[in-house]
PDB file of N, CA and C in Angstrom:
ATOM      1  N   UNK A   1     161.981  51.742 110.316  1.00  0.00           N
ATOM      2  CA  UNK A   1     162.264  51.144 111.605  1.00  0.00           C
ATOM      3  C   UNK A   1     162.450  49.632 111.441  1.00  0.00           C
ATOM      4  N   UNK A   2     163.519  49.098 111.931  1.00  0.00           N
ATOM      5  CA  UNK A   2     163.800  47.662 111.803  1.00  0.00           C
ATOM      6  C   UNK A   2     162.850  46.840 112.645  1.00  0.00           C
ATOM      7  N   UNK A   3     162.487  45.673 112.107  1.00  0.00           N
ATOM      8  CA  UNK A   3     161.654  44.748 112.789  1.00  0.00           C
ATOM      9  C   UNK A   3     162.510  43.741 113.553  1.00  0.00           C
ATOM     10  N   UNK A   4     161.904  42.916 114.363  1.00  0.00           N
ATOM     11  CA  UNK A   4     162.622  41.886 115.103  1.00  0.00           C
ATOM     12  C   UNK A   4     163.423  41.006 114.127  1.00  0.00           C
ATOM     13  N   UNK A   5     164.610  40.644 114.550  1.00  0.00           N
ATOM     14  CA  UNK A   5     165.439  39.763 113.703  1.00  0.00           C
ATOM     15  C   UNK A   5     164.914  38.319 113.790  1.00  0.00           C
ATOM     16  N   UNK A   6     165.174  37.567 112.726  1.00  0.00           N
ATOM     17  CA  UNK A   6     164.724  36.182 112.679  1.00  0.00           C
ATOM     18  C   UNK A   6     165.922  35.295 112.332  1.00  0.00           C
ATOM     19  N   UNK A   7     165.879  34.041 112.779  1.00  0.00           N
ATOM     20  CA  UNK A   7     166.995  33.157 112.414  1.00  0.00           C
ATOM     21  C   UNK A   7     166.983  32.892 110.887  1.00  0.00           C
ATOM     22  N   UNK A   8     168.148  32.563 110.366  1.00  0.00           N
ATOM     23  CA  UNK A   8     168.275  32.310 108.926  1.00  0.00           C
ATOM     24  C   UNK A   8     167.361  31.148 108.497  1.00  0.00           C
ATOM     25  N   UNK A   9     167.162  30.175 109.357  1.00  0.00           N
ATOM     26  CA  UNK A   9     166.268  29.053 109.050  1.00  0.00           C
ATOM     27  C   UNK A   9     164.849  29.532 108.743  1.00  0.00           C
ATOM     28  N   UNK A  10     164.414  30.600 109.384  1.00  0.00           N
ATOM     29  CA  UNK A  10     163.054  31.146 109.119  1.00  0.00           C
ATOM     30  C   UNK A  10     163.020  31.757 107.721  1.00  0.00           C
ATOM     31  N   UNK A  11     164.079  32.490 107.392  1.00  0.00           N
ATOM     32  CA  UNK A  11     164.156  33.097 106.021  1.00  0.00           C
ATOM     33  C   UNK A  11     164.085  32.001 104.958  1.00  0.00           C
ATOM     34  N   UNK A  12     164.758  30.883 105.188  1.00  0.00           N
ATOM     35  CA  UNK A  12     164.803  29.772 104.227  1.00  0.00           C
ATOM     36  C   UNK A  12     163.422  29.175 103.967  1.00  0.00           C
ATOM     37  N   UNK A  13     162.481  29.375 104.857  1.00  0.00           N
ATOM     38  CA  UNK A  13     161.118  28.857 104.673  1.00  0.00           C
ATOM     39  C   UNK A  13     160.340  29.606 103.613  1.00  0.00           C
ATOM     40  N   UNK A  14     160.742  30.868 103.328  1.00  0.00           N
ATOM     41  CA  UNK A  14     160.028  31.650 102.329  1.00  0.00           C
ATOM     42  C   UNK A  14     160.381  31.170 100.947  1.00  0.00           C
ATOM     43  N   UNK A  15     159.384  31.018 100.123  1.00  0.00           N
ATOM     44  CA  UNK A  15     159.589  30.639  98.727  1.00  0.00           C
ATOM     45  C   UNK A  15     159.197  31.819  97.849  1.00  0.00           C
ATOM     46  N   UNK A  16     160.200  32.618  97.514  1.00  0.00           N
ATOM     47  CA  UNK A  16     160.023  33.815  96.698  1.00  0.00           C
ATOM     48  C   UNK A  16     160.526  33.484  95.309  1.00  0.00           C
ATOM     49  N   UNK A  17     159.695  33.683  94.296  1.00  0.00           N
ATOM     50  CA  UNK A  17     160.026  33.288  92.937  1.00  0.00           C
ATOM     51  C   UNK A  17     159.668  34.355  91.899  1.00  0.00           C
ATOM     52  N   UNK A  18     160.361  34.347  90.797  1.00  0.00           N
ATOM     53  CA  UNK A  18     160.105  35.257  89.697  1.00  0.00           C
ATOM     54  C   UNK A  18     158.878  34.722  88.913  1.00  0.00           C
ATOM     55  N   UNK A  19     157.943  35.598  88.629  1.00  0.00           N
ATOM     56  CA  UNK A  19     156.745  35.259  87.881  1.00  0.00           C
ATOM     57  C   UNK A  19     156.449  36.324  86.848  1.00  0.00           C
ATOM     58  N   UNK A  20     155.643  35.965  85.902  1.00  0.00           N
ATOM     59  CA  UNK A  20     155.162  36.925  84.887  1.00  0.00           C
ATOM     60  C   UNK A  20     153.688  37.107  85.090  1.00  0.00           C
ATOM     61  N   UNK A  21     153.284  38.370  85.119  1.00  0.00           N
ATOM     62  CA  UNK A  21     151.834  38.657  85.265  1.00  0.00           C
ATOM     63  C   UNK A  21     151.227  38.480  83.867  1.00  0.00           C
ATOM     64  N   UNK A  22     150.344  37.512  83.740  1.00  0.00           N
ATOM     65  CA  UNK A  22     149.755  37.200  82.432  1.00  0.00           C
ATOM     66  C   UNK A  22     148.336  37.747  82.288  1.00  0.00           C
ATOM     67  N   UNK A  23     147.689  38.019  83.407  1.00  0.00           N
ATOM     68  CA  UNK A  23     146.309  38.563  83.332  1.00  0.00           C
ATOM     69  C   UNK A  23     146.081  39.484  84.546  1.00  0.00           C
ATOM     70  N   UNK A  24     145.381  40.600  84.293  1.00  0.00           N
ATOM     71  CA  UNK A  24     145.050  41.537  85.317  1.00  0.00           C
ATOM     72  C   UNK A  24     143.585  41.925  85.083  1.00  0.00           C
ATOM     73  N   UNK A  25     142.753  41.688  86.122  1.00  0.00           N
ATOM     74  CA  UNK A  25     141.333  42.025  86.030  1.00  0.00           C
ATOM     75  C   UNK A  25     140.907  42.747  87.307  1.00  0.00           C
ATOM     76  N   UNK A  26     139.892  43.618  87.215  1.00  0.00           N
ATOM     77  CA  UNK A  26     139.380  44.249  88.442  1.00  0.00           C
ATOM     78  C   UNK A  26     138.743  43.165  89.309  1.00  0.00           C
ATOM     79  N   UNK A  27     138.902  43.298  90.629  1.00  0.00           N
ATOM     80  CA  UNK A  27     138.216  42.423  91.564  1.00  0.00           C
ATOM     81  C   UNK A  27     136.722  42.760  91.544  1.00  0.00           C
ATOM     82  N   UNK A  28     135.859  41.780  91.406  1.00  0.00           N
ATOM     83  CA  UNK A  28     134.412  42.088  91.340  1.00  0.00           C
ATOM     84  C   UNK A  28     133.807  42.611  92.584  1.00  0.00           C
ATOM     85  N   UNK A  29     134.461  42.453  93.748  1.00  0.00           N
ATOM     86  CA  UNK A  29     133.883  42.876  95.019  1.00  0.00           C
ATOM     87  C   UNK A  29     134.714  43.902  95.780  1.00  0.00           C
ATOM     88  N   UNK A  30     135.665  44.554  95.078  1.00  0.00           N
ATOM     89  CA  UNK A  30     136.514  45.546  95.790  1.00  0.00           C
ATOM     90  C   UNK A  30     137.036  46.578  94.792  1.00  0.00           C
ATOM     91  N   UNK A  31     136.982  47.824  95.181  1.00  0.00           N
ATOM     92  CA  UNK A  31     137.413  48.948  94.315  1.00  0.00           C
ATOM     93  C   UNK A  31     138.922  49.094  94.160  1.00  0.00           C
ATOM     94  N   UNK A  32     139.691  48.649  95.188  1.00  0.00           N
ATOM     95  CA  UNK A  32     141.117  48.879  95.180  1.00  0.00           C
ATOM     96  C   UNK A  32     141.996  47.661  94.823  1.00  0.00           C
ATOM     97  N   UNK A  33     141.290  46.533  94.487  1.00  0.00           N
ATOM     98  CA  UNK A  33     141.992  45.289  94.272  1.00  0.00           C
ATOM     99  C   UNK A  33     141.939  44.840  92.840  1.00  0.00           C
ATOM    100  N   UNK A  34     143.008  44.137  92.435  1.00  0.00           N
ATOM    101  CA  UNK A  34     143.057  43.443  91.137  1.00  0.00           C
ATOM    102  C   UNK A  34     143.123  41.937  91.385  1.00  0.00           C
ATOM    103  N   UNK A  35     142.647  41.185  90.413  1.00  0.00           N
ATOM    104  CA  UNK A  35     142.889  39.740  90.333  1.00  0.00           C
ATOM    105  C   UNK A  35     143.981  39.548  89.301  1.00  0.00           C
ATOM    106  N   UNK A  36     144.960  38.771  89.683  1.00  0.00           N
ATOM    107  CA  UNK A  36     146.112  38.483  88.793  1.00  0.00           C
ATOM    108  C   UNK A  36     146.191  36.987  88.545  1.00  0.00           C
ATOM    109  N   UNK A  37     146.627  36.654  87.338  1.00  0.00           N
ATOM    110  CA  UNK A  37     147.119  35.332  87.038  1.00  0.00           C
ATOM    111  C   UNK A  37     148.607  35.530  86.766  1.00  0.00           C
ATOM    112  N   UNK A  38     149.438  34.752  87.496  1.00  0.00           N
ATOM    113  CA  UNK A  38     150.864  34.830  87.322  1.00  0.00           C
ATOM    114  C   UNK A  38     151.403  33.471  86.894  1.00  0.00           C
ATOM    115  N   UNK A  39     152.398  33.526  85.989  1.00  0.00           N
ATOM    116  CA  UNK A  39     153.055  32.337  85.462  1.00  0.00           C
ATOM    117  C   UNK A  39     154.377  32.180  86.156  1.00  0.00           C
ATOM    118  N   UNK A  40     154.560  31.044  86.820  1.00  0.00           N
ATOM    119  CA  UNK A  40     155.785  30.729  87.530  1.00  0.00           C
ATOM    120  C   UNK A  40     156.644  29.702  86.776  1.00  0.00           C
ATOM    121  N   UNK A  41     156.328  29.548  85.537  1.00  0.00           N
ATOM    122  CA  UNK A  41     157.094  28.592  84.714  1.00  0.00           C
ATOM    123  C   UNK A  41     156.442  27.216  84.684  1.00  0.00           C
ATOM    124  N   UNK A  42     156.416  26.517  85.799  1.00  0.00           N
ATOM    125  CA  UNK A  42     155.832  25.229  85.881  1.00  0.00           C
ATOM    126  C   UNK A  42     154.413  25.214  86.437  1.00  0.00           C
ATOM    127  N   UNK A  43     153.923  26.333  86.896  1.00  0.00           N
ATOM    128  CA  UNK A  43     152.549  26.441  87.387  1.00  0.00           C
ATOM    129  C   UNK A  43     152.084  27.904  87.286  1.00  0.00           C
ATOM    130  N   UNK A  44     150.759  28.066  87.353  1.00  0.00           N
ATOM    131  CA  UNK A  44     150.150  29.371  87.378  1.00  0.00           C
ATOM    132  C   UNK A  44     149.397  29.511  88.666  1.00  0.00           C
ATOM    133  N   UNK A  45     149.337  30.742  89.177  1.00  0.00           N
ATOM    134  CA  UNK A  45     148.617  31.001  90.427  1.00  0.00           C
ATOM    135  C   UNK A  45     147.722  32.215  90.241  1.00  0.00           C
ATOM    136  N   UNK A  46     146.635  32.217  91.028  1.00  0.00           N
ATOM    137  CA  UNK A  46     145.768  33.394  91.072  1.00  0.00           C
ATOM    138  C   UNK A  46     146.088  34.154  92.345  1.00  0.00           C
ATOM    139  N   UNK A  47     146.279  35.445  92.179  1.00  0.00           N
ATOM    140  CA  UNK A  47     146.584  36.330  93.324  1.00  0.00           C
ATOM    141  C   UNK A  47     145.616  37.507  93.373  1.00  0.00           C
ATOM    142  N   UNK A  48     145.437  38.037  94.561  1.00  0.00           N
ATOM    143  CA  UNK A  48     144.665  39.254  94.734  1.00  0.00           C
ATOM    144  C   UNK A  48     145.628  40.264  95.343  1.00  0.00           C
ATOM    145  N   UNK A  49     145.649  41.454  94.796  1.00  0.00           N
ATOM    146  CA  UNK A  49     146.577  42.480  95.293  1.00  0.00           C
ATOM    147  C   UNK A  49     145.987  43.890  95.201  1.00  0.00           C
ATOM    148  N   UNK A  50     146.319  44.727  96.160  1.00  0.00           N
ATOM    149  CA  UNK A  50     145.826  46.090  96.220  1.00  0.00           C
ATOM    150  C   UNK A  50     146.675  47.058  95.463  1.00  0.00           C
ATOM    151  N   UNK A  51     146.782  46.871  94.168  1.00  0.00           N
ATOM    152  CA  UNK A  51     147.655  47.755  93.344  1.00  0.00           C
ATOM    153  C   UNK A  51     146.858  48.681  92.449  1.00  0.00           C
ATOM    154  N   UNK A  52     145.527  48.671  92.527  1.00  0.00           N
ATOM    155  CA  UNK A  52     144.708  49.364  91.590  1.00  0.00           C
ATOM    156  C   UNK A  52     144.859  50.865  91.646  1.00  0.00           C
ATOM    157  N   UNK A  53     145.145  51.415  92.834  1.00  0.00           N
ATOM    158  CA  UNK A  53     145.352  52.864  92.971  1.00  0.00           C
ATOM    159  C   UNK A  53     146.665  53.302  92.354  1.00  0.00           C
ATOM    160  N   UNK A  54     147.583  52.365  92.101  1.00  0.00           N
ATOM    161  CA  UNK A  54     148.932  52.731  91.722  1.00  0.00           C
ATOM    162  C   UNK A  54     149.340  52.352  90.306  1.00  0.00           C
ATOM    163  N   UNK A  55     148.602  51.380  89.721  1.00  0.00           N
ATOM    164  CA  UNK A  55     148.917  50.911  88.393  1.00  0.00           C
ATOM    165  C   UNK A  55     147.641  50.667  87.578  1.00  0.00           C
ATOM    166  N   UNK A  56     147.744  50.919  86.249  1.00  0.00           N
ATOM    167  CA  UNK A  56     146.708  50.534  85.329  1.00  0.00           C
ATOM    168  C   UNK A  56     146.989  49.088  84.891  1.00  0.00           C
ATOM    169  N   UNK A  57     145.952  48.345  84.511  1.00  0.00           N
ATOM    170  CA  UNK A  57     146.217  46.945  84.077  1.00  0.00           C
ATOM    171  C   UNK A  57     147.279  46.791  83.008  1.00  0.00           C
ATOM    172  N   UNK A  58     147.288  47.701  82.066  1.00  0.00           N
ATOM    173  CA  UNK A  58     148.241  47.573  80.972  1.00  0.00           C
ATOM    174  C   UNK A  58     149.679  47.855  81.440  1.00  0.00           C
ATOM    175  N   UNK A  59     149.884  48.525  82.575  1.00  0.00           N
ATOM    176  CA  UNK A  59     151.210  48.720  83.133  1.00  0.00           C
ATOM    177  C   UNK A  59     151.745  47.465  83.793  1.00  0.00           C
ATOM    178  N   UNK A  60     150.845  46.576  84.182  1.00  0.00           N
ATOM    179  CA  UNK A  60     151.213  45.382  84.886  1.00  0.00           C
ATOM    180  C   UNK A  60     151.295  44.119  84.055  1.00  0.00           C
ATOM    181  N   UNK A  61     150.444  44.041  83.021  1.00  0.00           N
ATOM    182  CA  UNK A  61     150.375  42.839  82.189  1.00  0.00           C
ATOM    183  C   UNK A  61     151.748  42.581  81.520  1.00  0.00           C
ATOM    184  N   UNK A  62     152.169  41.357  81.598  1.00  0.00           N
ATOM    185  CA  UNK A  62     153.446  40.886  81.018  1.00  0.00           C
ATOM    186  C   UNK A  62     154.692  41.337  81.762  1.00  0.00           C
ATOM    187  N   UNK A  63     154.531  41.971  82.922  1.00  0.00           N
ATOM    188  CA  UNK A  63     155.692  42.367  83.757  1.00  0.00           C
ATOM    189  C   UNK A  63     156.186  41.176  84.541  1.00  0.00           C
ATOM    190  N   UNK A  64     157.488  41.116  84.734  1.00  0.00           N
ATOM    191  CA  UNK A  64     158.051  40.193  85.686  1.00  0.00           C
ATOM    192  C   UNK A  64     157.894  40.755  87.076  1.00  0.00           C
ATOM    193  N   UNK A  65     157.747  39.887  88.074  1.00  0.00           N
ATOM    194  CA  UNK A  65     157.615  40.366  89.447  1.00  0.00           C
ATOM    195  C   UNK A  65     158.119  39.291  90.410  1.00  0.00           C
ATOM    196  N   UNK A  66     158.112  39.564  91.681  1.00  0.00           N
ATOM    197  CA  UNK A  66     158.499  38.637  92.707  1.00  0.00           C
ATOM    198  C   UNK A  66     157.239  38.209  93.427  1.00  0.00           C
ATOM    199  N   UNK A  67     157.038  36.901  93.568  1.00  0.00           N
ATOM    200  CA  UNK A  67     155.838  36.376  94.232  1.00  0.00           C
ATOM    201  C   UNK A  67     156.250  35.494  95.415  1.00  0.00           C
ATOM    202  N   UNK A  68     155.568  35.718  96.537  1.00  0.00           N
ATOM    203  CA  UNK A  68     155.685  34.893  97.726  1.00  0.00           C
ATOM    204  C   UNK A  68     154.783  33.732  97.487  1.00  0.00           C
ATOM    205  N   UNK A  69     155.337  32.583  97.088  1.00  0.00           N
ATOM    206  CA  UNK A  69     154.536  31.448  96.561  1.00  0.00           C
ATOM    207  C   UNK A  69     154.003  30.538  97.638  1.00  0.00           C
ATOM    208  N   UNK A  70     154.662  30.430  98.792  1.00  0.00           N
ATOM    209  CA  UNK A  70     154.170  29.506  99.787  1.00  0.00           C
ATOM    210  C   UNK A  70     153.500  30.183 100.981  1.00  0.00           C
ATOM    211  N   UNK A  71     152.970  31.373 100.716  1.00  0.00           N
ATOM    212  CA  UNK A  71     152.111  32.021 101.711  1.00  0.00           C
ATOM    213  C   UNK A  71     150.820  31.253 101.786  1.00  0.00           C
ATOM    214  N   UNK A  72     150.308  31.092 102.977  1.00  0.00           N
ATOM    215  CA  UNK A  72     149.048  30.378 103.154  1.00  0.00           C
ATOM    216  C   UNK A  72     147.968  31.065 102.339  1.00  0.00           C
ATOM    217  N   UNK A  73     147.175  30.318 101.520  1.00  0.00           N
ATOM    218  CA  UNK A  73     146.096  30.918 100.721  1.00  0.00           C
ATOM    219  C   UNK A  73     145.121  31.648 101.606  1.00  0.00           C
ATOM    220  N   UNK A  74     144.576  32.738 101.078  1.00  0.00           N
ATOM    221  CA  UNK A  74     143.595  33.529 101.790  1.00  0.00           C
ATOM    222  C   UNK A  74     142.444  33.912 100.852  1.00  0.00           C
ATOM    223  N   UNK A  75     141.248  33.980 101.384  1.00  0.00           N
ATOM    224  CA  UNK A  75     140.129  34.437 100.577  1.00  0.00           C
ATOM    225  C   UNK A  75     139.931  35.909 100.856  1.00  0.00           C
ATOM    226  N   UNK A  76     140.106  36.692  99.820  1.00  0.00           N
ATOM    227  CA  UNK A  76     140.029  38.183  99.932  1.00  0.00           C
ATOM    228  C   UNK A  76     138.805  38.675  99.179  1.00  0.00           C
ATOM    229  N   UNK A  77     137.844  39.137  99.912  1.00  0.00           N
ATOM    230  CA  UNK A  77     136.569  39.598  99.330  1.00  0.00           C
ATOM    231  C   UNK A  77     135.940  38.542  98.415  1.00  0.00           C
ATOM    232  N   UNK A  78     135.967  37.297  98.884  1.00  0.00           N
ATOM    233  CA  UNK A  78     135.317  36.205  98.160  1.00  0.00           C
ATOM    234  C   UNK A  78     136.136  35.505  97.127  1.00  0.00           C
ATOM    235  N   UNK A  79     137.403  35.933  96.901  1.00  0.00           N
ATOM    236  CA  UNK A  79     138.260  35.347  95.846  1.00  0.00           C
ATOM    237  C   UNK A  79     139.530  34.784  96.537  1.00  0.00           C
ATOM    238  N   UNK A  80     139.845  33.532  96.187  1.00  0.00           N
ATOM    239  CA  UNK A  80     141.040  32.886  96.735  1.00  0.00           C
ATOM    240  C   UNK A  80     142.326  33.478  96.142  1.00  0.00           C
ATOM    241  N   UNK A  81     143.250  33.851  96.994  1.00  0.00           N
ATOM    242  CA  UNK A  81     144.545  34.348  96.619  1.00  0.00           C
ATOM    243  C   UNK A  81     145.599  33.326  97.064  1.00  0.00           C
ATOM    244  N   UNK A  82     146.435  32.903  96.107  1.00  0.00           N
ATOM    245  CA  UNK A  82     147.363  31.786  96.337  1.00  0.00           C
ATOM    246  C   UNK A  82     148.797  32.243  96.554  1.00  0.00           C
ATOM    247  N   UNK A  83     148.981  33.468  97.050  1.00  0.00           N
ATOM    248  CA  UNK A  83     150.327  33.988  97.260  1.00  0.00           C
ATOM    249  C   UNK A  83     150.264  35.514  97.330  1.00  0.00           C
ATOM    250  N   UNK A  84     151.406  36.157  97.180  1.00  0.00           N
ATOM    251  CA  UNK A  84     151.489  37.604  97.284  1.00  0.00           C
ATOM    252  C   UNK A  84     152.529  38.172  96.341  1.00  0.00           C
ATOM    253  N   UNK A  85     152.144  39.171  95.559  1.00  0.00           N
ATOM    254  CA  UNK A  85     153.075  39.934  94.738  1.00  0.00           C
ATOM    255  C   UNK A  85     153.771  40.919  95.671  1.00  0.00           C
ATOM    256  N   UNK A  86     155.089  40.949  95.584  1.00  0.00           N
ATOM    257  CA  UNK A  86     155.840  41.866  96.514  1.00  0.00           C
ATOM    258  C   UNK A  86     155.982  43.258  95.886  1.00  0.00           C
ATOM    259  N   UNK A  87     155.821  44.235  96.774  1.00  0.00           N
ATOM    260  CA  UNK A  87     155.958  45.642  96.392  1.00  0.00           C
ATOM    261  C   UNK A  87     156.612  46.411  97.525  1.00  0.00           C
ATOM    262  N   UNK A  88     157.235  47.514  97.198  1.00  0.00           N
ATOM    263  CA  UNK A  88     157.798  48.407  98.220  1.00  0.00           C
ATOM    264  C   UNK A  88     156.729  49.481  98.475  1.00  0.00           C
ATOM    265  N   UNK A  89     156.611  49.857  99.770  1.00  0.00           N
ATOM    266  CA  UNK A  89     155.598  50.821 100.142  1.00  0.00           C
ATOM    267  C   UNK A  89     156.245  51.942 100.953  1.00  0.00           C
ATOM    268  N   UNK A  90     155.960  53.170 100.538  1.00  0.00           N
ATOM    269  CA  UNK A  90     156.376  54.358 101.320  1.00  0.00           C
ATOM    270  C   UNK A  90     155.119  54.892 102.025  1.00  0.00           C
ATOM    271  N   UNK A  91     155.218  55.050 103.330  1.00  0.00           N
ATOM    272  CA  UNK A  91     154.080  55.576 104.108  1.00  0.00           C
ATOM    273  C   UNK A  91     154.406  56.972 104.675  1.00  0.00           C
ATOM    274  N   UNK A  92     153.373  57.768 104.839  1.00  0.00           N
ATOM    275  CA  UNK A  92     153.546  59.076 105.442  1.00  0.00           C
ATOM    276  C   UNK A  92     153.564  58.912 106.965  1.00  0.00           C
ATOM    277  N   UNK A  93     153.680  60.012 107.688  1.00  0.00           N
ATOM    278  CA  UNK A  93     153.790  59.964 109.144  1.00  0.00           C
ATOM    279  C   UNK A  93     152.542  59.387 109.805  1.00  0.00           C
ATOM    280  N   UNK A  94     151.389  59.475 109.122  1.00  0.00           N
ATOM    281  CA  UNK A  94     150.153  58.928 109.637  1.00  0.00           C
ATOM    282  C   UNK A  94     149.995  57.440 109.313  1.00  0.00           C
ATOM    283  N   UNK A  95     150.940  56.896 108.545  1.00  0.00           N
ATOM    284  CA  UNK A  95     150.910  55.519 108.205  1.00  0.00           C
ATOM    285  C   UNK A  95     150.158  55.181 106.924  1.00  0.00           C
ATOM    286  N   UNK A  96     149.681  56.234 106.205  1.00  0.00           N
ATOM    287  CA  UNK A  96     148.966  56.031 104.959  1.00  0.00           C
ATOM    288  C   UNK A  96     149.958  55.785 103.806  1.00  0.00           C
ATOM    289  N   UNK A  97     149.591  54.880 102.942  1.00  0.00           N
ATOM    290  CA  UNK A  97     150.433  54.607 101.783  1.00  0.00           C
ATOM    291  C   UNK A  97     150.518  55.840 100.876  1.00  0.00           C
ATOM    292  N   UNK A  98     151.753  56.267 100.554  1.00  0.00           N
ATOM    293  CA  UNK A  98     151.952  57.373  99.643  1.00  0.00           C
ATOM    294  C   UNK A  98     152.400  56.894  98.266  1.00  0.00           C
ATOM    295  N   UNK A  99     153.184  55.815  98.258  1.00  0.00           N
ATOM    296  CA  UNK A  99     153.739  55.349  97.010  1.00  0.00           C
ATOM    297  C   UNK A  99     153.917  53.836  97.141  1.00  0.00           C
ATOM    298  N   UNK A 100     153.531  53.090  96.090  1.00  0.00           N
ATOM    299  CA  UNK A 100     153.697  51.644  96.045  1.00  0.00           C
ATOM    300  C   UNK A 100     154.343  51.309  94.721  1.00  0.00           C
ATOM    301  N   UNK A 101     155.419  50.567  94.759  1.00  0.00           N
ATOM    302  CA  UNK A 101     156.056  50.129  93.504  1.00  0.00           C
ATOM    303  C   UNK A 101     156.325  48.636  93.542  1.00  0.00           C
ATOM    304  N   UNK A 102     156.059  48.005  92.422  1.00  0.00           N
ATOM    305  CA  UNK A 102     156.253  46.586  92.232  1.00  0.00           C
ATOM    306  C   UNK A 102     157.739  46.256  92.283  1.00  0.00           C
ATOM    307  N   UNK A 103     158.100  45.162  92.955  1.00  0.00           N
ATOM    308  CA  UNK A 103     159.501  44.717  92.918  1.00  0.00           C
ATOM    309  C   UNK A 103     159.663  43.856  91.632  1.00  0.00           C
ATOM    310  N   UNK A 104     160.635  44.285  90.834  1.00  0.00           N
ATOM    311  CA  UNK A 104     160.844  43.593  89.566  1.00  0.00           C
ATOM    312  C   UNK A 104     162.328  43.244  89.449  1.00  0.00           C
ATOM    313  N   UNK A 105     162.639  42.141  88.721  1.00  0.00           N
ATOM    314  CA  UNK A 105     164.042  41.838  88.528  1.00  0.00           C
ATOM    315  C   UNK A 105     164.730  42.834  87.624  1.00  0.00           C
ATOM    316  N   UNK A 106     165.997  43.041  87.844  1.00  0.00           N
ATOM    317  CA  UNK A 106     166.794  43.971  87.081  1.00  0.00           C
ATOM    318  C   UNK A 106     166.923  43.539  85.617  1.00  0.00           C
ATOM    319  N   UNK A 107     167.059  42.233  85.374  1.00  0.00           N
ATOM    320  CA  UNK A 107     167.237  41.665  84.054  1.00  0.00           C
ATOM    321  C   UNK A 107     166.267  40.491  83.898  1.00  0.00           C
ATOM    322  N   UNK A 108     166.103  40.037  82.636  1.00  0.00           N
ATOM    323  CA  UNK A 108     165.281  38.863  82.405  1.00  0.00           C
ATOM    324  C   UNK A 108     165.927  37.642  83.005  1.00  0.00           C
ATOM    325  N   UNK A 109     165.106  36.784  83.566  1.00  0.00           N
ATOM    326  CA  UNK A 109     165.534  35.522  84.153  1.00  0.00           C
ATOM    327  C   UNK A 109     164.373  34.507  84.021  1.00  0.00           C
ATOM    328  N   UNK A 110     164.681  33.260  84.002  1.00  0.00           N
ATOM    329  CA  UNK A 110     163.696  32.222  83.809  1.00  0.00           C
ATOM    330  C   UNK A 110     162.568  32.298  84.852  1.00  0.00           C
ATOM    331  N   UNK A 111     161.331  32.138  84.358  1.00  0.00           N
ATOM    332  CA  UNK A 111     160.190  32.139  85.278  1.00  0.00           C
ATOM    333  C   UNK A 111     160.361  30.992  86.271  1.00  0.00           C
ATOM    334  N   UNK A 112     160.020  31.285  87.522  1.00  0.00           N
ATOM    335  CA  UNK A 112     160.174  30.276  88.599  1.00  0.00           C
ATOM    336  C   UNK A 112     161.500  30.334  89.319  1.00  0.00           C
ATOM    337  N   UNK A 113     162.403  31.205  88.833  1.00  0.00           N
ATOM    338  CA  UNK A 113     163.699  31.287  89.522  1.00  0.00           C
ATOM    339  C   UNK A 113     163.460  31.758  90.950  1.00  0.00           C
ATOM    340  N   UNK A 114     164.217  31.134  91.871  1.00  0.00           N
ATOM    341  CA  UNK A 114     164.041  31.369  93.280  1.00  0.00           C
ATOM    342  C   UNK A 114     164.904  32.542  93.742  1.00  0.00           C
ATOM    343  N   UNK A 115     164.354  33.382  94.622  1.00  0.00           N
ATOM    344  CA  UNK A 115     165.105  34.477  95.284  1.00  0.00           C
ATOM    345  C   UNK A 115     165.805  33.819  96.464  1.00  0.00           C
ATOM    346  N   UNK A 116     167.100  33.970  96.501  1.00  0.00           N
ATOM    347  CA  UNK A 116     167.864  33.356  97.611  1.00  0.00           C
ATOM    348  C   UNK A 116     168.761  34.384  98.273  1.00  0.00           C
TER     349      UNK A 116
END
């Protein structure tokens, strides 16, 4: 179902960039969360994401991904998350997640490349 449309100027505010997942650790205070370190080329960020039910750490480490880099930082179960890894989610009729897949670039591209 489509959401409300937004002006193009609002889309331009999003800073989506290619990153490499360099570290994946279990979140110490949550069963379904991982702690990630991602490399954006000129900087590294710590992220928290609920991918534990869908991926093993070794499936994620060194993968390229898309990161929402200018999302307001949030503290998730006591750990600061400095952005969001983007994933596609399929939900069942009750709204429960059935499948989650990481959004990855089709080909190699320089870390920090902007999604436009």
